[in-house]
Amino acid sequence: MLRHFVNIRQSTSGGDNTLLRGRTRGGDGPDPFENVHGAGYRGVYDFADPDSSVFVISTGQSGHFLSRHYDDLAQLWRRGEYIPMSLDRDLARAAAVGVTVLHPAGE
């Protein structure tokens, strides 16, 4: 029953013989370009200017299907768009909604 709630589906253009996004089912069915598997994370890194690097993941920021961030990056991934990333700590904190701190057990 949960598979109906935790299943992000999307089709992409192209096919198995293109350089696009991932392997598709192919064929003549109702969803011939449905991805069977593909890169869940795509990143382009600029080593000369790390703050020009970009990334995207195929689902969303959250792994919880009740979160509004469960699939918020899926459409960007499908369109081949990216999110900028930065190594600048102050820039990252300026756009943060919150901070999560993890402590090892026993500490």
N, C-alpha and C. Protein backbone atom coordinates (compact mmCIF):
# COMPACT_ATOMS: atom_id res chain seq x y z
N MET A 1 0.80 -1.19 0.00
CA MET A 1 0.00 0.00 0.00
C MET A 1 0.85 1.28 0.00
N LEU A 2 1.97 1.25 0.71
CA LEU A 2 2.83 2.44 0.76
C LEU A 2 3.45 2.80 -0.58
N ARG A 3 3.55 1.85 -1.49
CA ARG A 3 4.19 2.14 -2.77
C ARG A 3 3.48 3.26 -3.53
N HIS A 4 2.20 3.49 -3.24
CA HIS A 4 1.46 4.56 -3.89
C HIS A 4 1.85 5.93 -3.33
N PHE A 5 2.42 5.96 -2.14
CA PHE A 5 2.81 7.22 -1.50
C PHE A 5 4.29 7.53 -1.65
N VAL A 6 5.12 6.51 -1.75
CA VAL A 6 6.57 6.71 -1.77
C VAL A 6 7.17 6.36 -3.14
N ASN A 7 6.50 6.74 -4.17
CA ASN A 7 6.94 6.41 -5.52
C ASN A 7 6.91 7.67 -6.37
N ILE A 8 8.05 8.25 -6.61
CA ILE A 8 8.13 9.44 -7.47
C ILE A 8 8.33 8.97 -8.89
N ARG A 9 7.38 9.28 -9.76
CA ARG A 9 7.45 8.84 -11.15
C ARG A 9 7.50 10.05 -12.06
N GLN A 10 8.29 9.93 -13.11
CA GLN A 10 8.34 10.96 -14.13
C GLN A 10 8.94 10.39 -15.40
N SER A 11 8.47 10.89 -16.51
CA SER A 11 9.01 10.43 -17.79
C SER A 11 9.97 11.48 -18.32
N THR A 12 10.88 11.05 -19.17
CA THR A 12 11.85 11.95 -19.78
C THR A 12 11.88 11.69 -21.27
N SER A 13 12.37 12.65 -22.01
CA SER A 13 12.49 12.46 -23.45
C SER A 13 13.71 11.61 -23.75
N GLY A 14 13.84 11.16 -24.97
CA GLY A 14 14.98 10.35 -25.36
C GLY A 14 14.71 8.88 -25.18
N GLY A 15 15.75 8.09 -25.20
CA GLY A 15 15.60 6.66 -25.06
C GLY A 15 16.89 6.03 -24.58
N ASP A 16 16.94 4.71 -24.64
CA ASP A 16 18.09 3.98 -24.13
C ASP A 16 19.38 4.25 -24.91
N ASN A 17 19.26 4.71 -26.13
CA ASN A 17 20.45 4.92 -26.98
C ASN A 17 20.84 6.40 -27.06
N THR A 18 20.38 7.21 -26.13
CA THR A 18 20.76 8.63 -26.10
C THR A 18 21.64 8.89 -24.90
N LEU A 19 22.18 10.07 -24.83
CA LEU A 19 23.02 10.46 -23.70
C LEU A 19 22.22 11.21 -22.66
N LEU A 20 20.91 10.99 -22.63
CA LEU A 20 20.08 11.80 -21.77
C LEU A 20 20.19 11.41 -20.31
N ARG A 21 19.22 10.77 -19.72
CA ARG A 21 19.18 10.70 -18.26
C ARG A 21 19.30 9.31 -17.66
N GLY A 22 18.83 8.31 -18.30
CA GLY A 22 18.89 6.98 -17.69
C GLY A 22 18.18 5.96 -18.54
N ARG A 23 18.19 4.74 -18.10
CA ARG A 23 17.55 3.67 -18.85
C ARG A 23 16.03 3.77 -18.71
N THR A 24 15.34 3.58 -19.83
CA THR A 24 13.88 3.65 -19.84
C THR A 24 13.29 2.28 -20.14
N ARG A 25 11.99 2.15 -19.96
CA ARG A 25 11.31 0.90 -20.28
C ARG A 25 11.29 0.65 -21.78
N GLY A 26 11.18 1.71 -22.58
CA GLY A 26 11.10 1.55 -24.03
C GLY A 26 9.78 0.91 -24.43
N GLY A 27 9.67 0.53 -25.68
CA GLY A 27 8.46 -0.14 -26.13
C GLY A 27 7.35 0.83 -26.48
N ASP A 28 6.15 0.29 -26.62
CA ASP A 28 5.00 1.08 -27.06
C ASP A 28 3.94 1.24 -25.98
N GLY A 29 4.24 0.92 -24.74
CA GLY A 29 3.27 1.00 -23.65
C GLY A 29 2.84 2.43 -23.37
N PRO A 30 2.04 2.62 -22.34
CA PRO A 30 1.54 3.96 -22.02
C PRO A 30 2.64 4.93 -21.55
N ASP A 31 3.73 4.42 -21.00
CA ASP A 31 4.84 5.27 -20.53
C ASP A 31 6.16 4.75 -21.08
N PRO A 32 6.39 4.85 -22.40
CA PRO A 32 7.60 4.25 -22.97
C PRO A 32 8.90 4.91 -22.50
N PHE A 33 8.84 6.15 -22.02
CA PHE A 33 10.05 6.83 -21.59
C PHE A 33 10.18 6.94 -20.08
N GLU A 34 9.42 6.12 -19.35
CA GLU A 34 9.53 6.10 -17.90
C GLU A 34 10.90 5.57 -17.51
N ASN A 35 11.59 6.28 -16.64
CA ASN A 35 12.91 5.85 -16.20
C ASN A 35 12.81 4.60 -15.34
N VAL A 36 13.61 3.60 -15.67
CA VAL A 36 13.70 2.41 -14.84
C VAL A 36 14.77 2.65 -13.78
N HIS A 37 15.86 3.26 -14.18
CA HIS A 37 16.89 3.69 -13.25
C HIS A 37 17.73 4.75 -13.93
N GLY A 38 18.44 5.49 -13.17
CA GLY A 38 19.29 6.54 -13.71
C GLY A 38 20.07 7.18 -12.58
N ALA A 39 20.81 8.19 -12.91
CA ALA A 39 21.61 8.89 -11.90
C ALA A 39 20.69 9.62 -10.93
N GLY A 40 20.75 9.26 -9.66
CA GLY A 40 19.94 9.94 -8.66
C GLY A 40 20.55 11.28 -8.27
N TYR A 41 21.83 11.44 -8.47
CA TYR A 41 22.55 12.67 -8.14
C TYR A 41 23.38 13.06 -9.35
N ARG A 42 23.28 14.30 -9.76
CA ARG A 42 24.14 14.83 -10.82
C ARG A 42 24.81 16.08 -10.29
N GLY A 43 26.11 16.16 -10.48
CA GLY A 43 26.85 17.32 -10.04
C GLY A 43 27.88 17.72 -11.09
N VAL A 44 28.07 19.00 -11.25
CA VAL A 44 29.10 19.54 -12.14
C VAL A 44 29.98 20.43 -11.26
N TYR A 45 31.24 20.03 -11.15
CA TYR A 45 32.16 20.72 -10.25
C TYR A 45 33.18 21.52 -11.02
N ASP A 46 33.36 22.76 -10.62
CA ASP A 46 34.36 23.64 -11.21
C ASP A 46 35.50 23.76 -10.20
N PHE A 47 36.59 23.04 -10.45
CA PHE A 47 37.69 23.04 -9.49
C PHE A 47 38.45 24.36 -9.47
N ALA A 48 38.37 25.14 -10.55
CA ALA A 48 39.01 26.45 -10.57
C ALA A 48 38.21 27.48 -9.78
N ASP A 49 36.88 27.28 -9.74
CA ASP A 49 35.99 28.18 -9.00
C ASP A 49 34.90 27.33 -8.36
N PRO A 50 35.19 26.72 -7.20
CA PRO A 50 34.23 25.80 -6.57
C PRO A 50 32.84 26.41 -6.33
N ASP A 51 32.76 27.72 -6.15
CA ASP A 51 31.45 28.34 -5.93
C ASP A 51 30.60 28.42 -7.20
N SER A 52 31.15 28.01 -8.33
CA SER A 52 30.39 27.94 -9.58
C SER A 52 29.84 26.53 -9.82
N SER A 53 30.07 25.61 -8.89
CA SER A 53 29.60 24.24 -9.03
C SER A 53 28.08 24.17 -8.85
N VAL A 54 27.46 23.15 -9.48
CA VAL A 54 26.01 22.97 -9.41
C VAL A 54 25.68 21.50 -9.17
N PHE A 55 24.47 21.23 -8.67
CA PHE A 55 24.04 19.86 -8.43
C PHE A 55 22.53 19.77 -8.50
N VAL A 56 22.02 18.55 -8.56
CA VAL A 56 20.59 18.28 -8.43
C VAL A 56 20.43 16.81 -8.05
N ILE A 57 19.37 16.49 -7.30
CA ILE A 57 19.04 15.11 -7.01
C ILE A 57 17.67 14.81 -7.60
N SER A 58 17.41 13.54 -7.88
CA SER A 58 16.20 13.17 -8.62
C SER A 58 14.93 13.18 -7.79
N THR A 59 15.04 13.30 -6.51
CA THR A 59 13.83 13.29 -5.68
C THR A 59 13.67 14.66 -5.04
N GLY A 60 13.97 14.75 -3.78
CA GLY A 60 13.83 16.02 -3.08
C GLY A 60 14.77 16.07 -1.90
N GLN A 61 14.68 17.15 -1.14
CA GLN A 61 15.58 17.34 -0.02
C GLN A 61 15.26 16.41 1.14
N SER A 62 14.03 15.90 1.19
CA SER A 62 13.60 15.07 2.32
C SER A 62 13.33 13.65 1.85
N GLY A 63 13.58 12.69 2.70
CA GLY A 63 13.25 11.31 2.41
C GLY A 63 11.91 10.91 2.97
N HIS A 64 11.18 11.85 3.55
CA HIS A 64 9.89 11.54 4.18
C HIS A 64 8.75 11.99 3.27
N PHE A 65 7.87 11.06 2.91
CA PHE A 65 6.83 11.35 1.92
C PHE A 65 5.77 12.35 2.41
N LEU A 66 5.73 12.66 3.68
CA LEU A 66 4.79 13.67 4.17
C LEU A 66 5.42 15.07 4.20
N SER A 67 6.69 15.17 3.89
CA SER A 67 7.37 16.46 3.89
C SER A 67 7.09 17.20 2.58
N ARG A 68 7.01 18.52 2.64
CA ARG A 68 6.83 19.31 1.41
C ARG A 68 8.09 19.27 0.55
N HIS A 69 9.19 18.80 1.10
CA HIS A 69 10.44 18.70 0.36
C HIS A 69 10.70 17.29 -0.17
N TYR A 70 9.69 16.41 -0.11
CA TYR A 70 9.86 15.02 -0.54
C TYR A 70 10.26 14.92 -2.01
N ASP A 71 9.63 15.69 -2.88
CA ASP A 71 9.95 15.61 -4.31
C ASP A 71 10.18 16.99 -4.93
N ASP A 72 10.63 17.93 -4.13
CA ASP A 72 10.74 19.30 -4.60
C ASP A 72 11.85 19.55 -5.63
N LEU A 73 12.75 18.60 -5.83
CA LEU A 73 13.80 18.77 -6.83
C LEU A 73 13.58 17.89 -8.06
N ALA A 74 12.55 17.08 -8.05
CA ALA A 74 12.32 16.10 -9.12
C ALA A 74 12.13 16.76 -10.49
N GLN A 75 11.37 17.83 -10.55
CA GLN A 75 11.13 18.48 -11.84
C GLN A 75 12.39 19.17 -12.36
N LEU A 76 13.20 19.73 -11.48
CA LEU A 76 14.48 20.30 -11.91
C LEU A 76 15.35 19.21 -12.52
N TRP A 77 15.42 18.06 -11.87
CA TRP A 77 16.21 16.92 -12.36
C TRP A 77 15.72 16.50 -13.73
N ARG A 78 14.39 16.39 -13.89
CA ARG A 78 13.81 15.95 -15.16
C ARG A 78 14.15 16.91 -16.29
N ARG A 79 14.14 18.20 -16.01
CA ARG A 79 14.42 19.21 -17.04
C ARG A 79 15.92 19.41 -17.28
N GLY A 80 16.76 18.74 -16.49
CA GLY A 80 18.20 18.92 -16.65
C GLY A 80 18.71 20.21 -16.05
N GLU A 81 18.00 20.75 -15.08
CA GLU A 81 18.41 21.98 -14.43
C GLU A 81 19.17 21.66 -13.14
N TYR A 82 19.87 22.64 -12.62
CA TYR A 82 20.73 22.43 -11.46
C TYR A 82 20.53 23.52 -10.43
N ILE A 83 21.03 23.26 -9.23
CA ILE A 83 21.02 24.22 -8.13
C ILE A 83 22.47 24.61 -7.85
N PRO A 84 22.75 25.89 -7.69
CA PRO A 84 24.14 26.27 -7.37
C PRO A 84 24.53 25.80 -5.97
N MET A 85 25.79 25.46 -5.82
CA MET A 85 26.31 25.10 -4.51
C MET A 85 27.52 25.98 -4.21
N SER A 86 27.79 26.15 -2.95
CA SER A 86 28.89 27.01 -2.55
C SER A 86 29.60 26.41 -1.34
N LEU A 87 30.89 26.65 -1.27
CA LEU A 87 31.67 26.25 -0.11
C LEU A 87 31.74 27.37 0.93
N ASP A 88 31.14 28.49 0.59
CA ASP A 88 31.13 29.64 1.50
C ASP A 88 30.10 29.39 2.61
N ARG A 89 30.58 29.17 3.83
CA ARG A 89 29.71 28.84 4.96
C ARG A 89 28.71 29.95 5.26
N ASP A 90 29.14 31.19 5.18
CA ASP A 90 28.23 32.31 5.46
C ASP A 90 27.11 32.40 4.43
N LEU A 91 27.42 32.15 3.17
CA LEU A 91 26.41 32.17 2.12
C LEU A 91 25.39 31.05 2.33
N ALA A 92 25.86 29.87 2.69
CA ALA A 92 24.96 28.75 2.94
C ALA A 92 24.05 29.04 4.14
N ARG A 93 24.59 29.59 5.18
CA ARG A 93 23.79 29.90 6.37
C ARG A 93 22.80 31.03 6.12
N ALA A 94 23.13 31.95 5.22
CA ALA A 94 22.23 33.07 4.94
C ALA A 94 20.92 32.58 4.34
N ALA A 95 20.95 31.50 3.58
CA ALA A 95 19.74 30.99 2.94
C ALA A 95 19.13 29.82 3.70
N ALA A 96 19.70 29.46 4.83
CA ALA A 96 19.23 28.29 5.58
C ALA A 96 17.89 28.55 6.26
N VAL A 97 17.09 27.51 6.33
CA VAL A 97 15.83 27.56 7.06
C VAL A 97 16.08 27.16 8.51
N GLY A 98 17.07 26.31 8.71
CA GLY A 98 17.42 25.86 10.05
C GLY A 98 18.75 25.14 10.00
N VAL A 99 19.22 24.71 11.15
CA VAL A 99 20.48 23.99 11.25
C VAL A 99 20.24 22.71 12.04
N THR A 100 20.74 21.60 11.53
CA THR A 100 20.66 20.33 12.23
C THR A 100 22.06 19.95 12.69
N VAL A 101 22.20 19.68 13.97
CA VAL A 101 23.50 19.29 14.53
C VAL A 101 23.42 17.85 14.97
N LEU A 102 24.32 17.01 14.50
CA LEU A 102 24.36 15.60 14.87
C LEU A 102 25.52 15.36 15.81
N HIS A 103 25.27 14.63 16.90
CA HIS A 103 26.31 14.29 17.85
C HIS A 103 26.41 12.77 17.92
N PRO A 104 27.63 12.23 17.89
CA PRO A 104 27.79 10.78 18.01
C PRO A 104 27.28 10.28 19.36
N ALA A 105 26.87 9.04 19.41
CA ALA A 105 26.40 8.44 20.67
C ALA A 105 27.50 8.51 21.71
N GLY A 106 27.15 8.75 22.94
CA GLY A 106 28.12 8.79 24.02
C GLY A 106 28.78 10.13 24.21
N GLU A 107 28.41 11.09 23.42
CA GLU A 107 29.04 12.41 23.55
C GLU A 107 28.15 13.35 24.33
